[in-house]
Amino acid sequence: MTGTAASRAGGGQMPLAHNTDAHTHVELTWIEGRIEYWIRFGHEVGERVVDRRRRIVSFRPGAVFAFVRWAANDYGTVISRIDIVRAVELGSAYQTLPFVRPGGEILLKIEGWPKVEKVLQHIDAVEAADVDPCDAAPDHWRHVAHRMSAGHEPRPYTRERHQAWLKRREIEQ
């Protein structure tokens, strides 16, 4: 059934199976105190406002961004999650992630507010070291995820570590 036929049948517009452009699109929702999805860091290259509560932001292939999701109902928090994701090239393999189309390379996935809060504090510390978290070594975000899942404190991301990453990246290119 085509999108038009689906609309006539009352089913609304059918979503595309995959992106037709090279960008990764993230749907953000903000309903104060109920659903709050936002980007903690990342360099957006586009934005489309869907309605007053929803917008879709876009990232170039290779861009790293942090996507935070929090939702509550009348009884309290239902979901608290942060994902640090690298946008993928068109046609590359990727992991699926709700509200991220087509998906991406998940560098960090943490659930539960106490752990999410620790990741947010860690991001603040990276910024305090005068490093844009988007530019930090992707391996560092994996390190943070693994250390936290094991109940350990992640090592701080220092300017020295960042300089080592930049040199390694330069050699790999």
N, C-alpha and C. Protein backbone atom coordinates (compact mmCIF):
# COMPACT_ATOMS: atom_id res chain seq x y z
N MET A 1 0.85 -1.17 0.00
CA MET A 1 0.00 0.00 0.00
C MET A 1 0.90 1.23 0.00
N THR A 2 0.67 2.16 -0.86
CA THR A 2 1.48 3.37 -0.92
C THR A 2 1.09 4.31 0.21
N GLY A 3 1.93 5.34 0.43
CA GLY A 3 1.64 6.32 1.48
C GLY A 3 0.28 6.96 1.29
N THR A 4 -0.09 7.30 0.05
CA THR A 4 -1.37 7.94 -0.22
C THR A 4 -2.51 6.98 0.07
N ALA A 5 -2.37 5.73 -0.37
CA ALA A 5 -3.41 4.73 -0.11
C ALA A 5 -3.55 4.49 1.39
N ALA A 6 -2.42 4.49 2.11
CA ALA A 6 -2.48 4.29 3.56
C ALA A 6 -3.21 5.45 4.22
N SER A 7 -2.98 6.68 3.73
CA SER A 7 -3.67 7.84 4.29
C SER A 7 -5.17 7.72 4.09
N ARG A 8 -5.58 7.29 2.89
CA ARG A 8 -7.02 7.14 2.62
C ARG A 8 -7.62 6.05 3.49
N ALA A 9 -6.82 5.05 3.81
CA ALA A 9 -7.31 3.95 4.63
C ALA A 9 -7.30 4.30 6.11
N GLY A 10 -6.85 5.51 6.44
CA GLY A 10 -6.84 5.93 7.84
C GLY A 10 -5.57 5.58 8.56
N GLY A 11 -4.57 5.04 7.87
CA GLY A 11 -3.35 4.60 8.52
C GLY A 11 -2.28 5.66 8.60
N GLY A 12 -2.50 6.83 8.04
CA GLY A 12 -1.48 7.88 8.09
C GLY A 12 -0.36 7.58 7.11
N GLN A 13 0.65 8.39 7.14
CA GLN A 13 1.79 8.24 6.24
C GLN A 13 2.64 7.06 6.68
N MET A 14 3.02 6.20 5.75
CA MET A 14 3.87 5.07 6.08
C MET A 14 5.31 5.54 6.18
N PRO A 15 6.05 5.11 7.22
CA PRO A 15 7.44 5.54 7.34
C PRO A 15 8.29 4.90 6.26
N LEU A 16 9.35 5.59 5.89
CA LEU A 16 10.29 5.03 4.93
C LEU A 16 11.06 3.89 5.59
N ALA A 17 11.40 2.88 4.81
CA ALA A 17 12.14 1.74 5.34
C ALA A 17 13.53 2.17 5.80
N HIS A 18 14.16 3.07 5.05
CA HIS A 18 15.47 3.59 5.45
C HIS A 18 15.64 4.99 4.92
N ASN A 19 16.67 5.65 5.43
CA ASN A 19 16.95 7.02 5.02
C ASN A 19 17.22 7.10 3.53
N THR A 20 16.77 8.19 2.94
CA THR A 20 17.08 8.42 1.54
C THR A 20 18.18 9.46 1.42
N ASP A 21 18.68 9.96 2.53
CA ASP A 21 19.82 10.88 2.50
C ASP A 21 20.91 10.34 3.41
N ALA A 22 22.02 11.03 3.46
CA ALA A 22 23.18 10.52 4.19
C ALA A 22 23.16 10.87 5.68
N HIS A 23 22.18 11.65 6.12
CA HIS A 23 22.16 12.09 7.51
C HIS A 23 21.47 11.10 8.45
N THR A 24 21.82 11.22 9.71
CA THR A 24 21.12 10.49 10.77
C THR A 24 20.16 11.48 11.41
N HIS A 25 18.90 11.07 11.56
CA HIS A 25 17.85 11.95 12.07
C HIS A 25 17.39 11.46 13.45
N VAL A 26 17.27 12.40 14.39
CA VAL A 26 16.87 12.08 15.75
C VAL A 26 15.61 12.87 16.08
N GLU A 27 14.56 12.15 16.47
CA GLU A 27 13.30 12.80 16.84
C GLU A 27 13.34 13.16 18.32
N LEU A 28 13.18 14.45 18.61
CA LEU A 28 13.19 14.95 19.98
C LEU A 28 11.78 15.36 20.38
N THR A 29 11.39 15.02 21.59
CA THR A 29 10.08 15.37 22.11
C THR A 29 10.27 16.08 23.45
N TRP A 30 9.46 17.10 23.68
CA TRP A 30 9.53 17.80 24.97
C TRP A 30 8.11 18.10 25.44
N ILE A 31 7.64 17.32 26.40
CA ILE A 31 6.38 17.57 27.09
C ILE A 31 6.77 17.67 28.56
N GLU A 32 6.92 18.90 29.02
CA GLU A 32 7.46 19.20 30.35
C GLU A 32 6.93 18.24 31.42
N GLY A 33 7.87 17.59 32.11
CA GLY A 33 7.53 16.71 33.21
C GLY A 33 7.00 15.35 32.81
N ARG A 34 6.86 15.07 31.52
CA ARG A 34 6.33 13.79 31.05
C ARG A 34 7.30 13.07 30.12
N ILE A 35 7.66 13.73 29.02
CA ILE A 35 8.59 13.15 28.04
C ILE A 35 9.59 14.23 27.68
N GLU A 36 10.84 13.97 27.94
CA GLU A 36 11.88 14.95 27.66
C GLU A 36 13.05 14.24 26.97
N TYR A 37 13.12 14.37 25.65
CA TYR A 37 14.20 13.80 24.85
C TYR A 37 15.01 14.97 24.33
N TRP A 38 16.32 14.96 24.56
CA TRP A 38 17.16 16.06 24.11
C TRP A 38 18.55 15.59 23.75
N ILE A 39 19.25 16.46 23.03
CA ILE A 39 20.63 16.21 22.64
C ILE A 39 21.52 16.92 23.66
N ARG A 40 22.38 16.17 24.35
CA ARG A 40 23.28 16.78 25.34
C ARG A 40 24.48 17.42 24.66
N PHE A 41 25.03 16.74 23.65
CA PHE A 41 26.09 17.36 22.85
C PHE A 41 26.01 16.79 21.44
N GLY A 42 26.57 17.53 20.51
CA GLY A 42 26.57 17.12 19.11
C GLY A 42 26.38 18.33 18.23
N HIS A 43 26.92 18.25 17.02
CA HIS A 43 26.82 19.36 16.07
C HIS A 43 25.75 19.02 15.04
N GLU A 44 24.59 19.61 15.22
CA GLU A 44 23.46 19.38 14.32
C GLU A 44 23.70 20.12 13.01
N VAL A 45 23.32 19.49 11.91
CA VAL A 45 23.45 20.15 10.60
C VAL A 45 22.09 20.51 10.03
N GLY A 46 21.04 20.12 10.72
CA GLY A 46 19.71 20.46 10.26
C GLY A 46 18.69 20.26 11.36
N GLU A 47 17.56 20.94 11.19
CA GLU A 47 16.47 20.82 12.16
C GLU A 47 15.16 21.03 11.43
N ARG A 48 14.19 20.18 11.76
CA ARG A 48 12.84 20.34 11.21
C ARG A 48 11.86 20.28 12.37
N VAL A 49 11.07 21.34 12.50
CA VAL A 49 10.06 21.38 13.55
C VAL A 49 8.83 20.62 13.06
N VAL A 50 8.43 19.61 13.82
CA VAL A 50 7.26 18.80 13.47
C VAL A 50 6.01 19.48 14.02
N ASP A 51 6.04 19.84 15.28
CA ASP A 51 4.98 20.60 15.93
C ASP A 51 5.59 21.26 17.16
N ARG A 52 4.78 21.86 18.00
CA ARG A 52 5.36 22.62 19.11
C ARG A 52 6.07 21.75 20.15
N ARG A 53 5.86 20.46 20.11
CA ARG A 53 6.48 19.56 21.08
C ARG A 53 7.55 18.64 20.48
N ARG A 54 7.60 18.58 19.17
CA ARG A 54 8.53 17.65 18.52
C ARG A 54 9.32 18.34 17.41
N ARG A 55 10.58 17.91 17.30
CA ARG A 55 11.43 18.37 16.21
C ARG A 55 12.37 17.24 15.85
N ILE A 56 12.91 17.32 14.66
CA ILE A 56 13.86 16.30 14.19
C ILE A 56 15.16 17.02 13.86
N VAL A 57 16.24 16.57 14.49
CA VAL A 57 17.56 17.14 14.22
C VAL A 57 18.37 16.12 13.41
N SER A 58 19.30 16.64 12.61
CA SER A 58 20.08 15.78 11.72
C SER A 58 21.57 15.94 11.99
N PHE A 59 22.30 14.84 11.79
CA PHE A 59 23.75 14.80 11.99
C PHE A 59 24.41 14.21 10.76
N ARG A 60 25.58 14.73 10.42
CA ARG A 60 26.38 14.20 9.30
C ARG A 60 26.97 12.84 9.67
N PRO A 61 27.28 12.01 8.67
CA PRO A 61 27.96 10.75 8.94
C PRO A 61 29.27 11.00 9.71
N GLY A 62 29.52 10.18 10.70
CA GLY A 62 30.73 10.30 11.51
C GLY A 62 30.56 11.20 12.72
N ALA A 63 29.49 12.00 12.77
CA ALA A 63 29.26 12.90 13.90
C ALA A 63 28.90 12.09 15.15
N VAL A 64 29.41 12.53 16.28
CA VAL A 64 29.11 11.88 17.56
C VAL A 64 28.18 12.80 18.34
N PHE A 65 27.16 12.21 18.93
CA PHE A 65 26.19 12.99 19.70
C PHE A 65 25.68 12.17 20.88
N ALA A 66 25.19 12.88 21.89
CA ALA A 66 24.60 12.24 23.07
C ALA A 66 23.10 12.50 23.06
N PHE A 67 22.32 11.45 23.13
CA PHE A 67 20.86 11.51 23.08
C PHE A 67 20.33 11.06 24.44
N VAL A 68 19.64 11.96 25.13
CA VAL A 68 19.11 11.67 26.46
C VAL A 68 17.60 11.51 26.37
N ARG A 69 17.10 10.44 26.99
CA ARG A 69 15.65 10.22 27.03
C ARG A 69 15.21 10.04 28.47
N TRP A 70 14.18 10.79 28.83
CA TRP A 70 13.59 10.69 30.16
C TRP A 70 12.08 10.76 29.99
N ALA A 71 11.36 9.88 30.66
CA ALA A 71 9.90 9.91 30.61
C ALA A 71 9.36 9.49 31.97
N ALA A 72 8.19 10.04 32.30
CA ALA A 72 7.55 9.74 33.58
C ALA A 72 6.04 9.60 33.37
N ASN A 73 5.42 8.94 34.33
CA ASN A 73 3.96 8.89 34.36
C ASN A 73 3.51 9.38 35.74
N ASP A 74 2.28 9.13 36.11
CA ASP A 74 1.76 9.63 37.40
C ASP A 74 2.47 9.02 38.59
N TYR A 75 3.17 7.92 38.39
CA TYR A 75 3.81 7.22 39.50
C TYR A 75 5.31 7.44 39.58
N GLY A 76 5.88 8.16 38.63
CA GLY A 76 7.32 8.45 38.67
C GLY A 76 8.00 8.18 37.34
N THR A 77 9.32 8.13 37.39
CA THR A 77 10.13 7.94 36.18
C THR A 77 9.91 6.56 35.58
N VAL A 78 9.72 6.54 34.27
CA VAL A 78 9.52 5.29 33.54
C VAL A 78 10.80 4.90 32.81
N ILE A 79 11.49 5.90 32.26
CA ILE A 79 12.74 5.64 31.54
C ILE A 79 13.70 6.80 31.77
N SER A 80 14.94 6.45 31.96
CA SER A 80 16.05 7.38 32.05
C SER A 80 17.19 6.73 31.31
N ARG A 81 17.61 7.37 30.21
CA ARG A 81 18.62 6.71 29.39
C ARG A 81 19.45 7.74 28.65
N ILE A 82 20.74 7.42 28.46
CA ILE A 82 21.60 8.22 27.62
C ILE A 82 22.33 7.28 26.67
N ASP A 83 22.39 7.70 25.42
CA ASP A 83 23.12 6.95 24.39
C ASP A 83 24.09 7.93 23.75
N ILE A 84 25.33 7.52 23.61
CA ILE A 84 26.29 8.29 22.84
C ILE A 84 26.49 7.49 21.55
N VAL A 85 26.20 8.17 20.44
CA VAL A 85 26.07 7.50 19.15
C VAL A 85 26.95 8.19 18.12
N ARG A 86 27.52 7.38 17.22
CA ARG A 86 28.21 7.94 16.06
C ARG A 86 27.32 7.68 14.85
N ALA A 87 26.99 8.75 14.12
CA ALA A 87 26.18 8.63 12.91
C ALA A 87 26.98 7.84 11.87
N VAL A 88 26.28 7.00 11.12
CA VAL A 88 26.95 6.12 10.16
C VAL A 88 26.82 6.64 8.73
N GLU A 89 27.71 6.15 7.88
CA GLU A 89 27.66 6.45 6.46
C GLU A 89 26.46 5.74 5.84
N LEU A 90 25.89 6.33 4.81
CA LEU A 90 24.79 5.72 4.08
C LEU A 90 25.24 4.36 3.56
N GLY A 91 24.47 3.32 3.82
CA GLY A 91 24.79 1.98 3.35
C GLY A 91 25.64 1.17 4.31
N SER A 92 26.15 1.79 5.39
CA SER A 92 26.97 1.07 6.38
C SER A 92 26.07 0.32 7.36
N ALA A 93 26.65 -0.67 8.00
CA ALA A 93 25.94 -1.40 9.04
C ALA A 93 25.72 -0.47 10.23
N TYR A 94 24.63 -0.67 10.94
CA TYR A 94 24.33 0.17 12.10
C TYR A 94 23.49 -0.61 13.10
N GLN A 95 23.42 -0.07 14.31
CA GLN A 95 22.56 -0.61 15.35
C GLN A 95 21.31 0.26 15.41
N THR A 96 20.17 -0.36 15.61
CA THR A 96 18.94 0.42 15.70
C THR A 96 18.80 1.00 17.09
N LEU A 97 18.12 2.12 17.15
CA LEU A 97 17.92 2.85 18.39
C LEU A 97 16.60 3.60 18.25
N PRO A 98 15.71 3.50 19.24
CA PRO A 98 14.44 4.23 19.12
C PRO A 98 14.65 5.72 18.88
N PHE A 99 13.88 6.27 17.97
CA PHE A 99 13.87 7.70 17.63
C PHE A 99 15.11 8.16 16.88
N VAL A 100 15.97 7.24 16.47
CA VAL A 100 17.16 7.56 15.68
C VAL A 100 17.06 6.80 14.36
N ARG A 101 17.03 7.55 13.25
CA ARG A 101 16.86 6.93 11.95
C ARG A 101 18.05 7.24 11.06
N PRO A 102 18.69 6.29 10.47
CA PRO A 102 18.31 4.88 10.51
C PRO A 102 18.77 4.19 11.79
N GLY A 103 19.75 4.69 12.45
CA GLY A 103 20.36 4.10 13.63
C GLY A 103 21.77 4.66 13.70
N GLY A 104 22.67 3.98 14.37
CA GLY A 104 24.04 4.46 14.44
C GLY A 104 24.93 3.44 15.11
N GLU A 105 26.15 3.85 15.33
CA GLU A 105 27.09 3.03 16.08
C GLU A 105 26.98 3.48 17.53
N ILE A 106 26.47 2.62 18.39
CA ILE A 106 26.25 2.97 19.79
C ILE A 106 27.58 2.82 20.53
N LEU A 107 28.10 3.94 21.02
CA LEU A 107 29.36 3.94 21.75
C LEU A 107 29.12 3.75 23.25
N LEU A 108 27.98 4.22 23.73
CA LEU A 108 27.65 4.12 25.16
C LEU A 108 26.14 4.03 25.27
N LYS A 109 25.68 3.13 26.13
CA LYS A 109 24.24 2.99 26.40
C LYS A 109 24.10 2.76 27.90
N ILE A 110 23.52 3.72 28.59
CA ILE A 110 23.37 3.64 30.04
C ILE A 110 21.92 3.92 30.40
N GLU A 111 21.37 3.13 31.32
CA GLU A 111 19.99 3.31 31.78
C GLU A 111 19.96 3.49 33.29
N GLY A 112 18.93 4.19 33.77
CA GLY A 112 18.74 4.43 35.19
C GLY A 112 19.30 5.80 35.57
N TRP A 113 18.48 6.62 36.22
CA TRP A 113 18.88 8.00 36.46
C TRP A 113 20.20 8.16 37.20
N PRO A 114 20.50 7.40 38.27
CA PRO A 114 21.80 7.60 38.94
C PRO A 114 22.99 7.42 37.99
N LYS A 115 22.92 6.42 37.12
CA LYS A 115 24.00 6.19 36.16
C LYS A 115 24.01 7.24 35.05
N VAL A 116 22.82 7.62 34.58
CA VAL A 116 22.73 8.67 33.56
C VAL A 116 23.33 9.96 34.10
N GLU A 117 23.01 10.27 35.34
CA GLU A 117 23.55 11.48 35.96
C GLU A 117 25.08 11.44 36.04
N LYS A 118 25.64 10.26 36.33
CA LYS A 118 27.11 10.13 36.36
C LYS A 118 27.71 10.36 34.98
N VAL A 119 27.04 9.86 33.94
CA VAL A 119 27.54 10.09 32.57
C VAL A 119 27.48 11.58 32.25
N LEU A 120 26.38 12.24 32.63
CA LEU A 120 26.26 13.68 32.39
C LEU A 120 27.37 14.44 33.12
N GLN A 121 27.70 14.02 34.33
CA GLN A 121 28.81 14.65 35.07
C GLN A 121 30.14 14.38 34.37
N HIS A 122 30.28 13.19 33.82
CA HIS A 122 31.51 12.87 33.09
C HIS A 122 31.63 13.73 31.84
N ILE A 123 30.53 13.96 31.15
CA ILE A 123 30.53 14.85 29.97
C ILE A 123 30.93 16.25 30.40
N ASP A 124 30.40 16.72 31.53
CA ASP A 124 30.77 18.04 32.06
C ASP A 124 32.28 18.11 32.31
N ALA A 125 32.85 17.02 32.84
CA ALA A 125 34.29 16.99 33.12
C ALA A 125 35.11 17.03 31.83
N VAL A 126 34.63 16.37 30.78
CA VAL A 126 35.32 16.42 29.48
C VAL A 126 35.32 17.86 28.98
N GLU A 127 34.18 18.53 29.09
CA GLU A 127 34.09 19.93 28.68
C GLU A 127 34.97 20.83 29.54
N ALA A 128 35.07 20.51 30.83
CA ALA A 128 35.93 21.29 31.74
C ALA A 128 37.40 21.14 31.36
N ALA A 129 37.75 20.04 30.71
CA ALA A 129 39.13 19.83 30.24
C ALA A 129 39.34 20.54 28.90
N ASP A 130 38.37 21.35 28.51
CA ASP A 130 38.42 22.14 27.28
C ASP A 130 38.44 21.26 26.03
N VAL A 131 37.65 20.18 26.08
CA VAL A 131 37.51 19.28 24.94
C VAL A 131 36.02 19.19 24.61
N ASP A 132 35.69 19.35 23.34
CA ASP A 132 34.31 19.16 22.90
C ASP A 132 34.03 17.66 22.98
N PRO A 133 33.01 17.23 23.73
CA PRO A 133 32.74 15.79 23.85
C PRO A 133 32.54 15.08 22.50
N CYS A 134 32.12 15.81 21.47
CA CYS A 134 31.96 15.23 20.12
C CYS A 134 33.29 14.79 19.56
N ASP A 135 34.36 15.48 19.97
CA ASP A 135 35.69 15.21 19.43
C ASP A 135 36.50 14.24 20.27
N ALA A 136 35.96 13.85 21.44
CA ALA A 136 36.67 12.90 22.29
C ALA A 136 36.78 11.55 21.57
N ALA A 137 37.77 10.78 21.93
CA ALA A 137 37.99 9.47 21.31
C ALA A 137 36.76 8.59 21.50
N PRO A 138 36.23 8.01 20.42
CA PRO A 138 35.08 7.10 20.56
C PRO A 138 35.36 5.96 21.55
N ASP A 139 36.62 5.50 21.58
CA ASP A 139 36.98 4.44 22.53
C ASP A 139 36.78 4.89 23.97
N HIS A 140 36.90 6.18 24.23
CA HIS A 140 36.69 6.66 25.59
C HIS A 140 35.24 6.45 26.03
N TRP A 141 34.30 6.73 25.12
CA TRP A 141 32.89 6.54 25.49
C TRP A 141 32.59 5.07 25.71
N ARG A 142 33.24 4.18 24.94
CA ARG A 142 33.08 2.74 25.19
C ARG A 142 33.65 2.38 26.56
N HIS A 143 34.81 2.95 26.88
CA HIS A 143 35.45 2.73 28.17
C HIS A 143 34.50 3.14 29.31
N VAL A 144 33.88 4.32 29.19
CA VAL A 144 32.96 4.80 30.22
C VAL A 144 31.81 3.81 30.37
N ALA A 145 31.24 3.36 29.25
CA ALA A 145 30.12 2.41 29.31
C ALA A 145 30.53 1.11 30.00
N HIS A 146 31.69 0.57 29.63
CA HIS A 146 32.13 -0.71 30.21
C HIS A 146 32.45 -0.57 31.70
N ARG A 147 33.15 0.49 32.07
CA ARG A 147 33.50 0.69 33.48
C ARG A 147 32.24 0.85 34.33
N MET A 148 31.29 1.65 33.83
CA MET A 148 30.07 1.86 34.61
C MET A 148 29.24 0.58 34.71
N SER A 149 29.18 -0.20 33.63
CA SER A 149 28.41 -1.45 33.70
C SER A 149 29.05 -2.44 34.67
N ALA A 150 30.36 -2.31 34.89
CA ALA A 150 31.06 -3.18 35.85
C ALA A 150 31.05 -2.59 37.27
N GLY A 151 30.44 -1.42 37.43
CA GLY A 151 30.37 -0.79 38.75
C GLY A 151 31.63 -0.05 39.14
N HIS A 152 32.47 0.30 38.17
CA HIS A 152 33.71 1.01 38.43
C HIS A 152 33.63 2.44 37.92
N GLU A 153 34.48 3.27 38.46
CA GLU A 153 34.56 4.66 38.03
C GLU A 153 35.39 4.74 36.75
N PRO A 154 34.89 5.42 35.72
CA PRO A 154 35.69 5.56 34.50
C PRO A 154 36.87 6.50 34.72
N ARG A 155 37.94 6.27 33.96
CA ARG A 155 39.09 7.17 34.02
C ARG A 155 38.69 8.51 33.41
N PRO A 156 39.22 9.59 33.92
CA PRO A 156 38.89 10.90 33.34
C PRO A 156 39.51 11.05 31.95
N TYR A 157 38.87 11.86 31.13
CA TYR A 157 39.39 12.16 29.80
C TYR A 157 40.16 13.46 29.92
N THR A 158 41.47 13.38 29.79
CA THR A 158 42.34 14.54 29.99
C THR A 158 42.77 15.12 28.65
N ARG A 159 43.34 16.31 28.70
CA ARG A 159 43.90 16.93 27.49
C ARG A 159 44.98 16.03 26.89
N GLU A 160 45.78 15.38 27.75
CA GLU A 160 46.85 14.50 27.27
C GLU A 160 46.26 13.31 26.49
N ARG A 161 45.20 12.70 27.04
CA ARG A 161 44.54 11.60 26.34
C ARG A 161 43.97 12.08 25.01
N HIS A 162 43.42 13.29 25.03
CA HIS A 162 42.84 13.84 23.81
C HIS A 162 43.92 14.07 22.76
N GLN A 163 45.05 14.61 23.17
CA GLN A 163 46.15 14.83 22.22
C GLN A 163 46.63 13.50 21.64
N ALA A 164 46.70 12.46 22.47
CA ALA A 164 47.10 11.13 21.99
C ALA A 164 46.09 10.62 20.97
N TRP A 165 44.80 10.83 21.22
CA TRP A 165 43.75 10.41 20.29
C TRP A 165 43.89 11.15 18.96
N LEU A 166 44.13 12.46 19.02
CA LEU A 166 44.26 13.24 17.79
C LEU A 166 45.45 12.75 16.96
N LYS A 167 46.56 12.42 17.63
CA LYS A 167 47.73 11.90 16.89
C LYS A 167 47.43 10.53 16.28
N ARG A 168 46.76 9.68 17.03
CA ARG A 168 46.41 8.35 16.52
C ARG A 168 45.47 8.48 15.31
N ARG A 169 44.50 9.37 15.40
CA ARG A 169 43.55 9.59 14.30
C ARG A 169 44.28 10.11 13.05
N GLU A 170 45.24 10.99 13.28
CA GLU A 170 46.02 11.53 12.18
C GLU A 170 46.79 10.44 11.44
N ILE A 171 47.36 9.51 12.20
CA ILE A 171 48.12 8.39 11.62
C ILE A 171 47.20 7.43 10.88
N GLU A 172 46.00 7.18 11.42
CA GLU A 172 45.06 6.23 10.83
C GLU A 172 44.46 6.75 9.51
N GLN A 173 44.45 8.06 9.32
CA GLN A 173 43.83 8.61 8.10
C GLN A 173 44.74 8.46 6.99
